[in-house]
Amino acid sequence: MVWTSDASSRGGAEARIAALEAAVADLQRRLDALEPGCGGATSSSPYGSVQPEVSDAVDPWSVPPWPEIVQLILADRKIVAIKVYRAHFGVGLKEAKDAVEEAERRVRG
């Protein structure tokens, strides 16, 4: 597909955006019909008046897949660490590479 900047292509993009917004709204209505209050900014808490306790003491590096990625970084197996990151998070190569390199900077200081 060739992208141009003429008015007709902008109108087409606006129409596609409007169609996507309508589709998202329809999906939200269907989701709410299946389970009222599920998702969305206006939903009530699924926990009712009892809120789950969130601990600030959790070390994010201790949550999978980070321990494995840190071990791979320390073993100089960065390519494998990137593959693990991509498989776990379902992201592209660049995002995984950037994340693993940031982790490497933090681990190696």
Protein backbone atom coordinates (compact mmCIF):
# COMPACT_ATOMS: atom_id res chain seq x y z
CA MET A 1 0.00 0.00 0.00
CA VAL A 2 1.33 3.44 -0.91
CA TRP A 3 0.78 6.17 1.66
CA THR A 4 0.13 9.64 0.32
CA SER A 5 -0.64 12.90 2.03
CA ASP A 6 -3.53 14.07 -0.14
CA ALA A 7 -6.93 14.90 1.33
CA SER A 8 -8.58 11.71 0.09
CA SER A 9 -6.13 9.51 1.99
CA ARG A 10 -6.65 11.57 5.17
CA GLY A 11 -10.38 11.11 4.80
CA GLY A 12 -9.87 7.39 4.33
CA ALA A 13 -7.70 7.21 7.44
CA GLU A 14 -10.31 9.11 9.44
CA ALA A 15 -12.99 6.70 8.23
CA ARG A 16 -10.84 3.70 9.24
CA ILE A 17 -10.21 5.24 12.67
CA ALA A 18 -13.93 5.84 13.15
CA ALA A 19 -14.68 2.25 12.12
CA LEU A 20 -12.06 0.93 14.57
CA GLU A 21 -13.45 3.08 17.38
CA ALA A 22 -16.94 1.74 16.66
CA ALA A 23 -15.61 -1.83 16.67
CA VAL A 24 -13.88 -1.29 20.03
CA ALA A 25 -17.07 0.18 21.51
CA ASP A 26 -19.04 -2.82 20.20
CA LEU A 27 -16.54 -5.24 21.74
CA GLN A 28 -16.74 -3.40 25.07
CA ARG A 29 -20.55 -3.65 25.01
CA ARG A 30 -20.31 -7.38 24.28
CA LEU A 31 -17.77 -7.88 27.06
CA ASP A 32 -19.96 -5.99 29.53
CA ALA A 33 -22.93 -8.13 28.48
CA LEU A 34 -20.96 -11.30 29.28
CA GLU A 35 -19.62 -10.00 32.60
CA PRO A 36 -20.93 -6.64 33.79
CA GLY A 37 -18.26 -4.33 35.13
CA CYS A 38 -15.46 -6.08 33.27
CA GLY A 39 -12.86 -3.65 31.98
CA GLY A 40 -13.16 -0.02 31.05
CA ALA A 41 -12.61 3.09 33.11
CA THR A 42 -16.18 3.16 34.42
CA SER A 43 -16.21 -0.38 35.75
CA SER A 44 -16.43 -1.12 39.43
CA SER A 45 -13.79 -3.17 41.17
CA PRO A 46 -14.16 -6.92 40.62
CA TYR A 47 -13.18 -7.30 44.28
CA GLY A 48 -16.14 -5.29 45.58
CA SER A 49 -15.31 -3.28 48.68
CA VAL A 50 -12.32 -5.51 49.48
CA GLN A 51 -9.22 -4.47 47.56
CA PRO A 52 -6.30 -6.83 47.00
CA GLU A 53 -3.20 -5.97 48.97
CA VAL A 54 -0.32 -4.82 46.80
CA SER A 55 3.10 -5.03 48.30
CA ASP A 56 5.76 -2.49 47.39
CA ALA A 57 8.35 -4.95 48.67
CA VAL A 58 8.13 -7.18 45.57
CA ASP A 59 11.38 -7.08 43.65
CA PRO A 60 10.48 -6.85 39.95
CA TRP A 61 13.71 -8.66 39.09
CA SER A 62 12.45 -11.72 40.98
CA VAL A 63 9.36 -12.11 38.78
CA PRO A 64 9.66 -14.32 35.68
CA PRO A 65 11.21 -14.07 33.17
CA TRP A 66 13.75 -11.69 34.73
CA PRO A 67 15.75 -14.17 36.84
CA GLU A 68 16.40 -16.26 33.72
CA ILE A 69 17.22 -13.19 31.63
CA VAL A 70 19.65 -11.91 34.27
CA GLN A 71 21.36 -15.30 34.38
CA LEU A 72 21.66 -15.30 30.59
CA ILE A 73 23.08 -11.76 30.60
CA LEU A 74 25.67 -12.70 33.21
CA ALA A 75 26.59 -15.76 31.13
CA ASP A 76 27.13 -13.50 28.08
CA ARG A 77 24.17 -15.09 26.25
CA LYS A 78 22.36 -11.88 25.34
CA ILE A 79 20.84 -13.28 22.12
CA VAL A 80 19.18 -16.08 24.07
CA ALA A 81 18.00 -13.54 26.66
CA ILE A 82 16.38 -11.53 23.86
CA LYS A 83 14.66 -14.68 22.58
CA VAL A 84 13.33 -15.44 26.07
CA TYR A 85 12.05 -11.87 26.43
CA ARG A 86 10.32 -12.00 23.04
CA ALA A 87 8.72 -15.36 23.79
CA HIS A 88 7.48 -14.23 27.20
CA PHE A 89 6.16 -10.79 26.24
CA GLY A 90 5.28 -11.34 22.57
CA VAL A 91 7.12 -8.25 21.36
CA GLY A 92 9.28 -7.48 18.37
CA LEU A 93 13.02 -7.84 18.11
CA LYS A 94 13.86 -4.15 18.65
CA GLU A 95 11.73 -3.82 21.77
CA ALA A 96 13.16 -7.03 23.22
CA LYS A 97 16.73 -6.00 22.39
CA ASP A 98 16.23 -2.58 23.99
CA ALA A 99 14.72 -4.13 27.14
CA VAL A 100 17.50 -6.71 27.51
CA GLU A 101 20.18 -4.08 26.92
CA GLU A 102 18.59 -1.86 29.58
CA ALA A 103 18.55 -4.84 31.94
CA GLU A 104 22.19 -5.49 31.10
CA ARG A 105 23.11 -1.87 31.94
CA ARG A 106 21.36 -2.21 35.30
CA VAL A 107 22.84 -5.63 36.09
CA ARG A 108 26.40 -4.82 35.10
CA GLY A 109 26.23 -1.29 36.51
